[in-house]
């Protein structure tokens, strides 16, 4: 069973994605800020992280920077899941090995599950896309 970590400061949104992912057979944990997300990543060892950018204590961008510096965090697939448009996103994200950039307002929860399914599929080629 694949593991997904949701790092999102709005609990109702995180819980909604958790519910949908669990319905689709994933083991899911939530963290509600970047600092907790980094710790949860180390302990939970997810296959994929759904990561919001704007959060208290530590932003998603800072969390991802710290994650990518760790041997245990360098391989984890990451989907940025935010309402910040790509034009307004920090430019450093391009260097942090992001698998997808998803604007929440443009994707239904089922479409987000589809992105997770695709990225965790055994046949996924590993190509990074920004879609």
C-alpha atoms as a PDB file:
ATOM      1  CA  UNK A   1       0.000   0.000   0.000  1.00  0.00           C
ATOM      2  CA  UNK A   2       1.371   3.402  -0.993  1.00  0.00           C
ATOM      3  CA  UNK A   3       1.734   6.075   1.665  1.00  0.00           C
ATOM      4  CA  UNK A   4       0.720   9.698   1.110  1.00  0.00           C
ATOM      5  CA  UNK A   5       1.461  12.602   3.426  1.00  0.00           C
ATOM      6  CA  UNK A   6      -0.757  15.668   3.170  1.00  0.00           C
ATOM      7  CA  UNK A   7       0.886  18.861   4.427  1.00  0.00           C
ATOM      8  CA  UNK A   8      -1.901  21.441   4.536  1.00  0.00           C
ATOM      9  CA  UNK A   9      -2.702  24.014   7.224  1.00  0.00           C
ATOM     10  CA  UNK A  10      -6.462  23.987   6.598  1.00  0.00           C
ATOM     11  CA  UNK A  11      -7.645  20.867   8.441  1.00  0.00           C
ATOM     12  CA  UNK A  12     -10.975  20.461   6.575  1.00  0.00           C
ATOM     13  CA  UNK A  13      -9.145  20.446   3.234  1.00  0.00           C
ATOM     14  CA  UNK A  14      -6.508  18.017   4.498  1.00  0.00           C
ATOM     15  CA  UNK A  15      -9.151  15.699   5.945  1.00  0.00           C
ATOM     16  CA  UNK A  16     -11.162  15.778   2.712  1.00  0.00           C
ATOM     17  CA  UNK A  17      -8.120  14.688   0.686  1.00  0.00           C
ATOM     18  CA  UNK A  18      -7.266  12.109   3.348  1.00  0.00           C
ATOM     19  CA  UNK A  19     -10.764  10.618   3.112  1.00  0.00           C
ATOM     20  CA  UNK A  20     -10.659  10.473  -0.695  1.00  0.00           C
ATOM     21  CA  UNK A  21      -7.176   8.927  -0.760  1.00  0.00           C
ATOM     22  CA  UNK A  22      -8.066   6.324   1.866  1.00  0.00           C
ATOM     23  CA  UNK A  23     -11.158   5.406  -0.181  1.00  0.00           C
ATOM     24  CA  UNK A  24      -8.755   4.719  -3.051  1.00  0.00           C
ATOM     25  CA  UNK A  25      -6.527   2.405  -1.006  1.00  0.00           C
ATOM     26  CA  UNK A  26      -3.789   4.733   0.210  1.00  0.00           C
ATOM     27  CA  UNK A  27      -2.366   4.937   3.716  1.00  0.00           C
ATOM     28  CA  UNK A  28      -2.541   8.627   4.612  1.00  0.00           C
ATOM     29  CA  UNK A  29      -1.253  10.966   7.299  1.00  0.00           C
ATOM     30  CA  UNK A  30      -1.770  14.715   7.659  1.00  0.00           C
ATOM     31  CA  UNK A  31       0.489  17.459   8.988  1.00  0.00           C
ATOM     32  CA  UNK A  32      -0.732  21.014   9.433  1.00  0.00           C
ATOM     33  CA  UNK A  33       2.440  23.075   8.908  1.00  0.00           C
ATOM     34  CA  UNK A  34       5.797  22.640   7.222  1.00  0.00           C
ATOM     35  CA  UNK A  35       7.667  21.919  10.437  1.00  0.00           C
ATOM     36  CA  UNK A  36       5.269  19.096  11.361  1.00  0.00           C
ATOM     37  CA  UNK A  37       5.353  17.949   7.738  1.00  0.00           C
ATOM     38  CA  UNK A  38       9.117  17.562   7.760  1.00  0.00           C
ATOM     39  CA  UNK A  39       8.971  15.528  10.969  1.00  0.00           C
ATOM     40  CA  UNK A  40       6.078  13.423   9.667  1.00  0.00           C
ATOM     41  CA  UNK A  41       7.992  12.725   6.460  1.00  0.00           C
ATOM     42  CA  UNK A  42      10.910  11.313   8.423  1.00  0.00           C
ATOM     43  CA  UNK A  43       8.669   9.146  10.624  1.00  0.00           C
ATOM     44  CA  UNK A  44       5.956   8.089   8.124  1.00  0.00           C
ATOM     45  CA  UNK A  45       8.254   7.662   5.091  1.00  0.00           C
ATOM     46  CA  UNK A  46       5.617   8.512   2.451  1.00  0.00           C
ATOM     47  CA  UNK A  47       5.875   7.638  -1.214  1.00  0.00           C
ATOM     48  CA  UNK A  48       4.321  10.994  -2.123  1.00  0.00           C
ATOM     49  CA  UNK A  49       3.640  14.322  -0.418  1.00  0.00           C
ATOM     50  CA  UNK A  50       0.784  16.697  -1.248  1.00  0.00           C
ATOM     51  CA  UNK A  51       2.323  19.984  -0.152  1.00  0.00           C
ATOM     52  CA  UNK A  52       0.682  23.365   0.328  1.00  0.00           C
ATOM     53  CA  UNK A  53       2.966  26.402   0.047  1.00  0.00           C
ATOM     54  CA  UNK A  54       1.478  28.966   2.448  1.00  0.00           C
ATOM     55  CA  UNK A  55       1.506  27.566   5.977  1.00  0.00           C
ATOM     56  CA  UNK A  56       2.394  28.701   9.497  1.00  0.00           C
ATOM     57  CA  UNK A  57       5.716  27.916  11.227  1.00  0.00           C
ATOM     58  CA  UNK A  58       7.403  26.802   8.003  1.00  0.00           C
ATOM     59  CA  UNK A  59       6.239  27.338   4.443  1.00  0.00           C
ATOM     60  CA  UNK A  60       5.972  24.491   1.993  1.00  0.00           C
ATOM     61  CA  UNK A  61       8.862  25.913   0.006  1.00  0.00           C
ATOM     62  CA  UNK A  62      11.178  25.930   3.053  1.00  0.00           C
ATOM     63  CA  UNK A  63      10.013  22.453   4.046  1.00  0.00           C
ATOM     64  CA  UNK A  64      10.787  21.157   0.559  1.00  0.00           C
ATOM     65  CA  UNK A  65      14.225  22.792   0.576  1.00  0.00           C
ATOM     66  CA  UNK A  66      15.026  21.071   3.887  1.00  0.00           C
ATOM     67  CA  UNK A  67      13.544  17.773   2.710  1.00  0.00           C
ATOM     68  CA  UNK A  68      15.633  17.668  -0.453  1.00  0.00           C
ATOM     69  CA  UNK A  69      18.842  18.173   1.568  1.00  0.00           C
ATOM     70  CA  UNK A  70      18.201  14.906   3.435  1.00  0.00           C
ATOM     71  CA  UNK A  71      19.141  11.534   1.935  1.00  0.00           C
ATOM     72  CA  UNK A  72      15.829  10.117   3.193  1.00  0.00           C
ATOM     73  CA  UNK A  73      13.883  12.942   1.533  1.00  0.00           C
ATOM     74  CA  UNK A  74      15.598  13.284  -1.819  1.00  0.00           C
ATOM     75  CA  UNK A  75      13.556  10.576  -3.618  1.00  0.00           C
ATOM     76  CA  UNK A  76      10.027  11.292  -2.366  1.00  0.00           C
ATOM     77  CA  UNK A  77       7.572  12.415  -5.011  1.00  0.00           C
ATOM     78  CA  UNK A  78       6.076  15.840  -4.301  1.00  0.00           C
ATOM     79  CA  UNK A  79       2.933  17.445  -5.661  1.00  0.00           C
ATOM     80  CA  UNK A  80       2.571  21.123  -4.836  1.00  0.00           C
ATOM     81  CA  UNK A  81      -1.125  21.545  -4.035  1.00  0.00           C
ATOM     82  CA  UNK A  82      -1.856  25.213  -3.535  1.00  0.00           C
ATOM     83  CA  UNK A  83      -3.991  28.146  -4.598  1.00  0.00           C
ATOM     84  CA  UNK A  84      -0.931  30.204  -5.528  1.00  0.00           C
ATOM     85  CA  UNK A  85      -0.733  30.540  -9.297  1.00  0.00           C
ATOM     86  CA  UNK A  86       2.373  29.226 -11.006  1.00  0.00           C
ATOM     87  CA  UNK A  87       3.310  32.794 -11.950  1.00  0.00           C
ATOM     88  CA  UNK A  88       3.354  33.768  -8.259  1.00  0.00           C
ATOM     89  CA  UNK A  89       5.146  30.617  -7.067  1.00  0.00           C
ATOM     90  CA  UNK A  90       8.669  30.901  -5.662  1.00  0.00           C
ATOM     91  CA  UNK A  91      11.180  30.420  -8.470  1.00  0.00           C
ATOM     92  CA  UNK A  92      13.257  28.107  -6.270  1.00  0.00           C
ATOM     93  CA  UNK A  93      10.611  25.376  -6.696  1.00  0.00           C
ATOM     94  CA  UNK A  94      12.044  24.690 -10.146  1.00  0.00           C
ATOM     95  CA  UNK A  95      15.221  23.429  -8.495  1.00  0.00           C
ATOM     96  CA  UNK A  96      13.539  21.267  -5.858  1.00  0.00           C
ATOM     97  CA  UNK A  97      12.438  18.264  -7.904  1.00  0.00           C
ATOM     98  CA  UNK A  98       8.665  18.843  -7.883  1.00  0.00           C
ATOM     99  CA  UNK A  99       6.632  16.233  -9.758  1.00  0.00           C
ATOM    100  CA  UNK A 100       3.525  18.366 -10.322  1.00  0.00           C
ATOM    101  CA  UNK A 101       2.226  21.830  -9.550  1.00  0.00           C
ATOM    102  CA  UNK A 102      -1.531  21.729  -8.968  1.00  0.00           C
ATOM    103  CA  UNK A 103      -3.681  24.788  -8.304  1.00  0.00           C
ATOM    104  CA  UNK A 104      -6.467  23.558  -5.982  1.00  0.00           C
ATOM    105  CA  UNK A 105      -9.105  25.800  -7.553  1.00  0.00           C
ATOM    106  CA  UNK A 106      -8.471  24.222 -10.972  1.00  0.00           C
ATOM    107  CA  UNK A 107      -8.649  20.550  -9.904  1.00  0.00           C
ATOM    108  CA  UNK A 108     -11.438  18.538  -8.345  1.00  0.00           C
ATOM    109  CA  UNK A 109     -10.461  16.161  -5.525  1.00  0.00           C
ATOM    110  CA  UNK A 110     -10.922  13.241  -7.934  1.00  0.00           C
ATOM    111  CA  UNK A 111      -8.524  14.863 -10.404  1.00  0.00           C
ATOM    112  CA  UNK A 112      -5.973  15.246  -7.590  1.00  0.00           C
ATOM    113  CA  UNK A 113      -6.400  11.530  -6.789  1.00  0.00           C
ATOM    114  CA  UNK A 114      -5.786  10.864 -10.488  1.00  0.00           C
ATOM    115  CA  UNK A 115      -2.475  12.760 -10.293  1.00  0.00           C
ATOM    116  CA  UNK A 116      -1.470  10.717  -7.230  1.00  0.00           C
ATOM    117  CA  UNK A 117      -2.475   7.475  -8.968  1.00  0.00           C
ATOM    118  CA  UNK A 118      -0.445   8.404 -12.035  1.00  0.00           C
ATOM    119  CA  UNK A 119       2.675   9.376 -10.106  1.00  0.00           C
ATOM    120  CA  UNK A 120       2.587   6.221  -7.980  1.00  0.00           C
ATOM    121  CA  UNK A 121       1.753   3.883 -10.851  1.00  0.00           C
ATOM    122  CA  UNK A 122       4.421   1.233 -11.511  1.00  0.00           C
ATOM    123  CA  UNK A 123       4.355   2.228 -15.176  1.00  0.00           C
ATOM    124  CA  UNK A 124       5.003   5.925 -14.496  1.00  0.00           C
ATOM    125  CA  UNK A 125       8.054   7.016 -16.468  1.00  0.00           C
ATOM    126  CA  UNK A 126       9.348   9.397 -13.824  1.00  0.00           C
ATOM    127  CA  UNK A 127       9.248  12.448 -16.081  1.00  0.00           C
ATOM    128  CA  UNK A 128       8.722  15.654 -14.156  1.00  0.00           C
ATOM    129  CA  UNK A 129       5.889  17.739 -15.487  1.00  0.00           C
ATOM    130  CA  UNK A 130       4.393  20.947 -14.270  1.00  0.00           C
ATOM    131  CA  UNK A 131       0.801  20.102 -15.244  1.00  0.00           C
END
